[in-house]
Amino acid sequence: MARMRVRLTFPPALIQEPIVYRLVKDFDIVINIRRAEVKTDHGWMVLELEGDEGVLERGVRWLKDRGVQVDPIERDVIVP
């Protein structure tokens, strides 16, 4: 099982969408929400993701394709 930490930033159009639910349900990725802030016009989450490496890659690609900004995190620092 591979693990990664990411920060997801959601555009306003996706705030009401069940993005994290789909990530868990469709890709069988185990998530741990470390921090989050979701308002009516913006939102972000820091997640730990766990799953097979290929599944994590497909899940991240799906997030990006949906319009979610995905930034990897290493030691609580967002990697550019």
PDB file of N, CA and C in Angstrom:
ATOM      1  N   MET A   1       0.836  -1.184   0.000  1.00  0.00           N
ATOM      2  CA  MET A   1       0.000   0.000   0.000  1.00  0.00           C
ATOM      3  C   MET A   1       0.879   1.245   0.000  1.00  0.00           C
ATOM      4  N   ALA A   2       0.563   2.145  -0.908  1.00  0.00           N
ATOM      5  CA  ALA A   2       1.274   3.420  -1.000  1.00  0.00           C
ATOM      6  C   ALA A   2       0.486   4.480  -0.234  1.00  0.00           C
ATOM      7  N   ARG A   3       1.204   5.511   0.203  1.00  0.00           N
ATOM      8  CA  ARG A   3       0.564   6.621   0.918  1.00  0.00           C
ATOM      9  C   ARG A   3       1.045   7.929   0.320  1.00  0.00           C
ATOM     10  N   MET A   4       0.175   8.916   0.355  1.00  0.00           N
ATOM     11  CA  MET A   4       0.563  10.256  -0.051  1.00  0.00           C
ATOM     12  C   MET A   4      -0.281  11.267   0.698  1.00  0.00           C
ATOM     13  N   ARG A   5       0.276  12.453   0.871  1.00  0.00           N
ATOM     14  CA  ARG A   5      -0.460  13.561   1.484  1.00  0.00           C
ATOM     15  C   ARG A   5      -0.629  14.631   0.429  1.00  0.00           C
ATOM     16  N   VAL A   6      -1.833  15.155   0.329  1.00  0.00           N
ATOM     17  CA  VAL A   6      -2.126  16.172  -0.680  1.00  0.00           C
ATOM     18  C   VAL A   6      -3.025  17.252  -0.089  1.00  0.00           C
ATOM     19  N   ARG A   7      -2.949  18.414  -0.699  1.00  0.00           N
ATOM     20  CA  ARG A   7      -3.896  19.485  -0.400  1.00  0.00           C
ATOM     21  C   ARG A   7      -4.763  19.639  -1.638  1.00  0.00           C
ATOM     22  N   LEU A   8      -6.065  19.542  -1.454  1.00  0.00           N
ATOM     23  CA  LEU A   8      -7.016  19.722  -2.546  1.00  0.00           C
ATOM     24  C   LEU A   8      -7.649  21.095  -2.401  1.00  0.00           C
ATOM     25  N   THR A   9      -7.679  21.836  -3.492  1.00  0.00           N
ATOM     26  CA  THR A   9      -8.341  23.141  -3.513  1.00  0.00           C
ATOM     27  C   THR A   9      -9.465  23.054  -4.534  1.00  0.00           C
ATOM     28  N   PHE A  10     -10.669  23.353  -4.056  1.00  0.00           N
ATOM     29  CA  PHE A  10     -11.868  23.187  -4.876  1.00  0.00           C
ATOM     30  C   PHE A  10     -12.333  24.526  -5.429  1.00  0.00           C
ATOM     31  N   PRO A  11     -12.620  24.599  -6.737  1.00  0.00           N
ATOM     32  CA  PRO A  11     -13.215  25.810  -7.288  1.00  0.00           C
ATOM     33  C   PRO A  11     -14.674  25.920  -6.840  1.00  0.00           C
ATOM     34  N   PRO A  12     -15.238  27.114  -6.881  1.00  0.00           N
ATOM     35  CA  PRO A  12     -16.622  27.314  -6.414  1.00  0.00           C
ATOM     36  C   PRO A  12     -17.633  26.352  -7.038  1.00  0.00           C
ATOM     37  N   ALA A  13     -17.466  26.011  -8.295  1.00  0.00           N
ATOM     38  CA  ALA A  13     -18.432  25.149  -8.978  1.00  0.00           C
ATOM     39  C   ALA A  13     -18.465  23.728  -8.416  1.00  0.00           C
ATOM     40  N   LEU A  14     -17.413  23.315  -7.702  1.00  0.00           N
ATOM     41  CA  LEU A  14     -17.350  21.948  -7.193  1.00  0.00           C
ATOM     42  C   LEU A  14     -17.627  21.826  -5.698  1.00  0.00           C
ATOM     43  N   ILE A  15     -17.916  22.926  -5.034  1.00  0.00           N
ATOM     44  CA  ILE A  15     -18.113  22.902  -3.582  1.00  0.00           C
ATOM     45  C   ILE A  15     -19.249  21.949  -3.182  1.00  0.00           C
ATOM     46  N   GLN A  16     -20.306  21.901  -3.950  1.00  0.00           N
ATOM     47  CA  GLN A  16     -21.462  21.060  -3.612  1.00  0.00           C
ATOM     48  C   GLN A  16     -21.357  19.625  -4.132  1.00  0.00           C
ATOM     49  N   GLU A  17     -20.288  19.321  -4.872  1.00  0.00           N
ATOM     50  CA  GLU A  17     -20.123  17.980  -5.451  1.00  0.00           C
ATOM     51  C   GLU A  17     -19.503  17.016  -4.437  1.00  0.00           C
ATOM     52  N   PRO A  18     -19.902  15.743  -4.444  1.00  0.00           N
ATOM     53  CA  PRO A  18     -19.345  14.757  -3.516  1.00  0.00           C
ATOM     54  C   PRO A  18     -18.009  14.187  -4.013  1.00  0.00           C
ATOM     55  N   ILE A  19     -17.032  15.041  -4.207  1.00  0.00           N
ATOM     56  CA  ILE A  19     -15.748  14.656  -4.791  1.00  0.00           C
ATOM     57  C   ILE A  19     -15.029  13.609  -3.934  1.00  0.00           C
ATOM     58  N   VAL A  20     -14.928  13.847  -2.644  1.00  0.00           N
ATOM     59  CA  VAL A  20     -14.191  12.923  -1.770  1.00  0.00           C
ATOM     60  C   VAL A  20     -14.912  11.579  -1.685  1.00  0.00           C
ATOM     61  N   TYR A  21     -16.219  11.608  -1.640  1.00  0.00           N
ATOM     62  CA  TYR A  21     -16.998  10.366  -1.650  1.00  0.00           C
ATOM     63  C   TYR A  21     -16.680   9.548  -2.909  1.00  0.00           C
ATOM     64  N   ARG A  22     -16.662  10.194  -4.058  1.00  0.00           N
ATOM     65  CA  ARG A  22     -16.375   9.498  -5.323  1.00  0.00           C
ATOM     66  C   ARG A  22     -14.960   8.935  -5.312  1.00  0.00           C
ATOM     67  N   LEU A  23     -14.026   9.668  -4.738  1.00  0.00           N
ATOM     68  CA  LEU A  23     -12.642   9.198  -4.653  1.00  0.00           C
ATOM     69  C   LEU A  23     -12.574   7.893  -3.856  1.00  0.00           C
ATOM     70  N   VAL A  24     -13.287   7.825  -2.762  1.00  0.00           N
ATOM     71  CA  VAL A  24     -13.309   6.626  -1.922  1.00  0.00           C
ATOM     72  C   VAL A  24     -14.073   5.500  -2.609  1.00  0.00           C
ATOM     73  N   LYS A  25     -15.266   5.801  -3.085  1.00  0.00           N
ATOM     74  CA  LYS A  25     -16.163   4.784  -3.649  1.00  0.00           C
ATOM     75  C   LYS A  25     -15.655   4.222  -4.980  1.00  0.00           C
ATOM     76  N   ASP A  26     -15.266   5.120  -5.900  1.00  0.00           N
ATOM     77  CA  ASP A  26     -14.891   4.686  -7.251  1.00  0.00           C
ATOM     78  C   ASP A  26     -13.472   4.146  -7.346  1.00  0.00           C
ATOM     79  N   PHE A  27     -12.567   4.632  -6.477  1.00  0.00           N
ATOM     80  CA  PHE A  27     -11.160   4.245  -6.591  1.00  0.00           C
ATOM     81  C   PHE A  27     -10.686   3.377  -5.421  1.00  0.00           C
ATOM     82  N   ASP A  28     -11.542   3.157  -4.434  1.00  0.00           N
ATOM     83  CA  ASP A  28     -11.189   2.331  -3.279  1.00  0.00           C
ATOM     84  C   ASP A  28      -9.938   2.869  -2.580  1.00  0.00           C
ATOM     85  N   ILE A  29      -9.891   4.183  -2.424  1.00  0.00           N
ATOM     86  CA  ILE A  29      -8.790   4.847  -1.739  1.00  0.00           C
ATOM     87  C   ILE A  29      -9.232   5.135  -0.305  1.00  0.00           C
ATOM     88  N   VAL A  30      -8.369   4.801   0.640  1.00  0.00           N
ATOM     89  CA  VAL A  30      -8.635   5.098   2.046  1.00  0.00           C
ATOM     90  C   VAL A  30      -8.135   6.515   2.310  1.00  0.00           C
ATOM     91  N   ILE A  31      -8.996   7.348   2.892  1.00  0.00           N
ATOM     92  CA  ILE A  31      -8.598   8.729   3.149  1.00  0.00           C
ATOM     93  C   ILE A  31      -8.640   9.028   4.641  1.00  0.00           C
ATOM     94  N   ASN A  32      -7.800   9.967   5.025  1.00  0.00           N
ATOM     95  CA  ASN A  32      -7.805  10.505   6.371  1.00  0.00           C
ATOM     96  C   ASN A  32      -7.787  12.020   6.210  1.00  0.00           C
ATOM     97  N   ILE A  33      -8.840  12.682   6.632  1.00  0.00           N
ATOM     98  CA  ILE A  33      -8.915  14.140   6.515  1.00  0.00           C
ATOM     99  C   ILE A  33      -8.121  14.737   7.670  1.00  0.00           C
ATOM    100  N   ARG A  34      -7.061  15.461   7.342  1.00  0.00           N
ATOM    101  CA  ARG A  34      -6.200  16.058   8.356  1.00  0.00           C
ATOM    102  C   ARG A  34      -6.618  17.488   8.702  1.00  0.00           C
ATOM    103  N   ARG A  35      -7.025  18.244   7.699  1.00  0.00           N
ATOM    104  CA  ARG A  35      -7.507  19.612   7.892  1.00  0.00           C
ATOM    105  C   ARG A  35      -8.440  19.930   6.735  1.00  0.00           C
ATOM    106  N   ALA A  36      -9.358  20.857   6.992  1.00  0.00           N
ATOM    107  CA  ALA A  36     -10.264  21.251   5.914  1.00  0.00           C
ATOM    108  C   ALA A  36     -10.947  22.564   6.259  1.00  0.00           C
ATOM    109  N   GLU A  37     -11.297  23.274   5.212  1.00  0.00           N
ATOM    110  CA  GLU A  37     -12.142  24.458   5.341  1.00  0.00           C
ATOM    111  C   GLU A  37     -13.004  24.511   4.093  1.00  0.00           C
ATOM    112  N   VAL A  38     -14.303  24.472   4.300  1.00  0.00           N
ATOM    113  CA  VAL A  38     -15.227  24.511   3.173  1.00  0.00           C
ATOM    114  C   VAL A  38     -16.248  25.610   3.452  1.00  0.00           C
ATOM    115  N   LYS A  39     -16.296  26.574   2.556  1.00  0.00           N
ATOM    116  CA  LYS A  39     -17.246  27.685   2.641  1.00  0.00           C
ATOM    117  C   LYS A  39     -18.166  27.597   1.420  1.00  0.00           C
ATOM    118  N   THR A  40     -19.073  28.532   1.298  1.00  0.00           N
ATOM    119  CA  THR A  40     -19.999  28.502   0.166  1.00  0.00           C
ATOM    120  C   THR A  40     -19.313  28.813  -1.157  1.00  0.00           C
ATOM    121  N   ASP A  41     -18.196  29.525  -1.131  1.00  0.00           N
ATOM    122  CA  ASP A  41     -17.556  29.941  -2.387  1.00  0.00           C
ATOM    123  C   ASP A  41     -16.157  29.372  -2.601  1.00  0.00           C
ATOM    124  N   HIS A  42     -15.616  28.646  -1.653  1.00  0.00           N
ATOM    125  CA  HIS A  42     -14.300  28.023  -1.824  1.00  0.00           C
ATOM    126  C   HIS A  42     -14.119  26.910  -0.794  1.00  0.00           C
ATOM    127  N   GLY A  43     -13.127  26.088  -1.037  1.00  0.00           N
ATOM    128  CA  GLY A  43     -12.847  25.032  -0.082  1.00  0.00           C
ATOM    129  C   GLY A  43     -11.498  24.403  -0.335  1.00  0.00           C
ATOM    130  N   TRP A  44     -10.903  23.860   0.731  1.00  0.00           N
ATOM    131  CA  TRP A  44      -9.661  23.105   0.615  1.00  0.00           C
ATOM    132  C   TRP A  44      -9.648  22.016   1.672  1.00  0.00           C
ATOM    133  N   MET A  45      -8.870  20.977   1.402  1.00  0.00           N
ATOM    134  CA  MET A  45      -8.716  19.859   2.326  1.00  0.00           C
ATOM    135  C   MET A  45      -7.285  19.357   2.262  1.00  0.00           C
ATOM    136  N   VAL A  46      -6.765  18.954   3.403  1.00  0.00           N
ATOM    137  CA  VAL A  46      -5.497  18.241   3.455  1.00  0.00           C
ATOM    138  C   VAL A  46      -5.849  16.793   3.771  1.00  0.00           C
ATOM    139  N   LEU A  47      -5.472  15.905   2.870  1.00  0.00           N
ATOM    140  CA  LEU A  47      -5.818  14.486   3.002  1.00  0.00           C
ATOM    141  C   LEU A  47      -4.579  13.613   3.003  1.00  0.00           C
ATOM    142  N   GLU A  48      -4.639  12.530   3.752  1.00  0.00           N
ATOM    143  CA  GLU A  48      -3.704  11.431   3.583  1.00  0.00           C
ATOM    144  C   GLU A  48      -4.448  10.377   2.773  1.00  0.00           C
ATOM    145  N   LEU A  49      -3.841   9.935   1.699  1.00  0.00           N
ATOM    146  CA  LEU A  49      -4.446   8.933   0.820  1.00  0.00           C
ATOM    147  C   LEU A  49      -3.659   7.642   0.925  1.00  0.00           C
ATOM    148  N   GLU A  50      -4.360   6.514   0.944  1.00  0.00           N
ATOM    149  CA  GLU A  50      -3.698   5.216   1.004  1.00  0.00           C
ATOM    150  C   GLU A  50      -4.375   4.263   0.036  1.00  0.00           C
ATOM    151  N   GLY A  51      -3.549   3.560  -0.741  1.00  0.00           N
ATOM    152  CA  GLY A  51      -4.057   2.604  -1.709  1.00  0.00           C
ATOM    153  C   GLY A  51      -2.931   2.103  -2.579  1.00  0.00           C
ATOM    154  N   ASP A  52      -3.239   1.258  -3.537  1.00  0.00           N
ATOM    155  CA  ASP A  52      -2.219   0.820  -4.480  1.00  0.00           C
ATOM    156  C   ASP A  52      -1.710   2.026  -5.260  1.00  0.00           C
ATOM    157  N   GLU A  53      -0.429   2.013  -5.589  1.00  0.00           N
ATOM    158  CA  GLU A  53       0.187   3.170  -6.243  1.00  0.00           C
ATOM    159  C   GLU A  53      -0.537   3.572  -7.528  1.00  0.00           C
ATOM    160  N   GLY A  54      -0.878   2.600  -8.354  1.00  0.00           N
ATOM    161  CA  GLY A  54      -1.582   2.891  -9.596  1.00  0.00           C
ATOM    162  C   GLY A  54      -2.956   3.493  -9.352  1.00  0.00           C
ATOM    163  N   VAL A  55      -3.634   3.013  -8.322  1.00  0.00           N
ATOM    164  CA  VAL A  55      -4.961   3.533  -7.977  1.00  0.00           C
ATOM    165  C   VAL A  55      -4.840   4.979  -7.504  1.00  0.00           C
ATOM    166  N   LEU A  56      -3.830   5.284  -6.687  1.00  0.00           N
ATOM    167  CA  LEU A  56      -3.628   6.654  -6.234  1.00  0.00           C
ATOM    168  C   LEU A  56      -3.367   7.588  -7.417  1.00  0.00           C
ATOM    169  N   GLU A  57      -2.543   7.139  -8.350  1.00  0.00           N
ATOM    170  CA  GLU A  57      -2.254   7.950  -9.537  1.00  0.00           C
ATOM    171  C   GLU A  57      -3.522   8.214 -10.344  1.00  0.00           C
ATOM    172  N   ARG A  58      -4.344   7.194 -10.532  1.00  0.00           N
ATOM    173  CA  ARG A  58      -5.596   7.368 -11.279  1.00  0.00           C
ATOM    174  C   ARG A  58      -6.553   8.293 -10.532  1.00  0.00           C
ATOM    175  N   GLY A  59      -6.617   8.153  -9.214  1.00  0.00           N
ATOM    176  CA  GLY A  59      -7.477   9.017  -8.411  1.00  0.00           C
ATOM    177  C   GLY A  59      -7.059  10.472  -8.493  1.00  0.00           C
ATOM    178  N   VAL A  60      -5.754  10.728  -8.408  1.00  0.00           N
ATOM    179  CA  VAL A  60      -5.256  12.106  -8.506  1.00  0.00           C
ATOM    180  C   VAL A  60      -5.521  12.661  -9.897  1.00  0.00           C
ATOM    181  N   ARG A  61      -5.318  11.853 -10.917  1.00  0.00           N
ATOM    182  CA  ARG A  61      -5.598  12.300 -12.292  1.00  0.00           C
ATOM    183  C   ARG A  61      -7.077  12.651 -12.444  1.00  0.00           C
ATOM    184  N   TRP A  62      -7.952  11.830 -11.872  1.00  0.00           N
ATOM    185  CA  TRP A  62      -9.393  12.094 -11.929  1.00  0.00           C
ATOM    186  C   TRP A  62      -9.726  13.413 -11.236  1.00  0.00           C
ATOM    187  N   LEU A  63      -9.138  13.655 -10.063  1.00  0.00           N
ATOM    188  CA  LEU A  63      -9.363  14.921  -9.359  1.00  0.00           C
ATOM    189  C   LEU A  63      -8.978  16.107 -10.233  1.00  0.00           C
ATOM    190  N   LYS A  64      -7.801  16.036 -10.834  1.00  0.00           N
ATOM    191  CA  LYS A  64      -7.323  17.133 -11.691  1.00  0.00           C
ATOM    192  C   LYS A  64      -8.238  17.314 -12.902  1.00  0.00           C
ATOM    193  N   ASP A  65      -8.673  16.206 -13.487  1.00  0.00           N
ATOM    194  CA  ASP A  65      -9.579  16.283 -14.641  1.00  0.00           C
ATOM    195  C   ASP A  65     -10.908  16.941 -14.273  1.00  0.00           C
ATOM    196  N   ARG A  66     -11.340  16.770 -13.031  1.00  0.00           N
ATOM    197  CA  ARG A  66     -12.590  17.392 -12.561  1.00  0.00           C
ATOM    198  C   ARG A  66     -12.419  18.881 -12.284  1.00  0.00           C
ATOM    199  N   GLY A  67     -11.171  19.350 -12.171  1.00  0.00           N
ATOM    200  CA  GLY A  67     -10.927  20.759 -11.902  1.00  0.00           C
ATOM    201  C   GLY A  67     -10.442  21.060 -10.498  1.00  0.00           C
ATOM    202  N   VAL A  68     -10.125  20.008  -9.741  1.00  0.00           N
ATOM    203  CA  VAL A  68      -9.594  20.184  -8.388  1.00  0.00           C
ATOM    204  C   VAL A  68      -8.084  20.401  -8.498  1.00  0.00           C
ATOM    205  N   GLN A  69      -7.578  21.408  -7.800  1.00  0.00           N
ATOM    206  CA  GLN A  69      -6.131  21.619  -7.749  1.00  0.00           C
ATOM    207  C   GLN A  69      -5.557  20.657  -6.716  1.00  0.00           C
ATOM    208  N   VAL A  70      -4.555  19.871  -7.120  1.00  0.00           N
ATOM    209  CA  VAL A  70      -3.947  18.871  -6.230  1.00  0.00           C
ATOM    210  C   VAL A  70      -2.489  19.239  -6.035  1.00  0.00           C
ATOM    211  N   ASP A  71      -2.112  19.529  -4.785  1.00  0.00           N
ATOM    212  CA  ASP A  71      -0.733  19.858  -4.451  1.00  0.00           C
ATOM    213  C   ASP A  71      -0.200  18.819  -3.480  1.00  0.00           C
ATOM    214  N   PRO A  72       0.923  18.162  -3.837  1.00  0.00           N
ATOM    215  CA  PRO A  72       1.513  17.195  -2.908  1.00  0.00           C
ATOM    216  C   PRO A  72       2.079  17.912  -1.682  1.00  0.00           C
ATOM    217  N   ILE A  73       2.071  17.227  -0.558  1.00  0.00           N
ATOM    218  CA  ILE A  73       2.594  17.781   0.692  1.00  0.00           C
ATOM    219  C   ILE A  73       3.685  16.857   1.207  1.00  0.00           C
ATOM    220  N   GLU A  74       4.793  17.450   1.607  1.00  0.00           N
ATOM    221  CA  GLU A  74       5.863  16.712   2.265  1.00  0.00           C
ATOM    222  C   GLU A  74       6.190  17.429   3.557  1.00  0.00           C
ATOM    223  N   ARG A  75       6.044  16.730   4.676  1.00  0.00           N
ATOM    224  CA  ARG A  75       6.332  17.292   5.990  1.00  0.00           C
ATOM    225  C   ARG A  75       5.623  18.615   6.232  1.00  0.00           C
ATOM    226  N   ASP A  76       4.353  18.638   5.941  1.00  0.00           N
ATOM    227  CA  ASP A  76       3.506  19.822   6.138  1.00  0.00           C
ATOM    228  C   ASP A  76       3.908  21.018   5.300  1.00  0.00           C
ATOM    229  N   VAL A  77       4.641  20.781   4.214  1.00  0.00           N
ATOM    230  CA  VAL A  77       4.999  21.839   3.271  1.00  0.00           C
ATOM    231  C   VAL A  77       4.440  21.469   1.925  1.00  0.00           C
ATOM    232  N   ILE A  78       3.716  22.399   1.309  1.00  0.00           N
ATOM    233  CA  ILE A  78       3.170  22.150  -0.032  1.00  0.00           C
ATOM    234  C   ILE A  78       4.307  22.239  -1.029  1.00  0.00           C
ATOM    235  N   VAL A  79       4.471  21.216  -1.842  1.00  0.00           N
ATOM    236  CA  VAL A  79       5.559  21.156  -2.815  1.00  0.00           C
ATOM    237  C   VAL A  79       5.082  21.824  -4.109  1.00  0.00           C
ATOM    238  N   PRO A  80       5.853  22.811  -4.596  1.00  0.00           N
ATOM    239  CA  PRO A  80       5.426  23.496  -5.844  1.00  0.00           C
ATOM    240  C   PRO A  80       5.527  22.594  -7.059  1.00  0.00           C
TER     241      PRO A  80
END
